[in-house]
Amino acid sequence: MANNYFNFKQFTINQNKCAFKVGTDGVLFGACADLTGAERILDIGTGTGLVAIMSAQRCNADIVAIEPDYSSYEQACENVNNCKWKTRIRVINQDLQKFSTYIDQKFNLILTNPPYFRDSLKSPDPGRTAARHTDTLNSNELLNGVSILLSDRGTFQLIMPYTEGTLFIAEAGGFGLFCTRLIKIKPFPSGEIIRLIMKFERNRKPVTESFLSLETGTRHSYTEEYKNVTRDFYLKF
């Protein structure tokens, strides 16, 4: 069972109210997302507030974090209010579908660690199911909302498993969003790609690709590159 809290170097994430706890995907995405030039950030499905808080630590942007599940929304509010960047983060209890219909401002960076399992078996916990599957926010709904809210020169970034991410890149083109950066995540250097961190823009550009391995090949023996990208956050590094 996961702990009810997770301590980072500069903040603590309480997670007793959230079905989806702090995990490697969220931390890795929060540490690796390209925040260059970010002024106004939207975090879709913030959950515990982790990615929003990590982004606030890494840059000076104003951040809006939306979360449709009320218990997770309460948890995100708690975590944001306890962090040193709380004046720059606003948490809203809303889903993307409704949020995109009434907000008239654009964001120059949109982030999400989204639901991604399309056809796999579902958890008996409805909160976990909503967090992990696409029933409540499918790819078309996500891409439609992003296409409405993203500024002309803004970027949209997210993390997905390899197979789902490959499909998502193809789907995004239909909404005028084109992948320009890929970080391919491996469990160890000789392993298969398990995650993709993707960056999308409205203009087509050559795709910049890189690889990141988490472990050297021995359990809990982490690579220097993984330590370097997460060093500002994990206590163990």
Foldseek 3Di string as FASTA:
>chain_A
DDDQWDAWPQFIFGQPLAPDDDDPFLLLLLLPDDCVPFAEEEEAQCQQVRSVLSVVVVDPHQYEYEHQDPSSLVNNLVRLVRGPSNVRYHYYNDHLLVVLVPDPAAGQEYEYAAAFDEDDDADPPVRVRRRHHCPVPHLVNVLVSNLSRHDQFHKYKYKDFPVRVVVSQVVNVVSQKHWAEWEFEAQADVGDGTMIITMIHNDDDHHHYYYDHAAHPDPPHGDPVNCVSNVNIHPVD
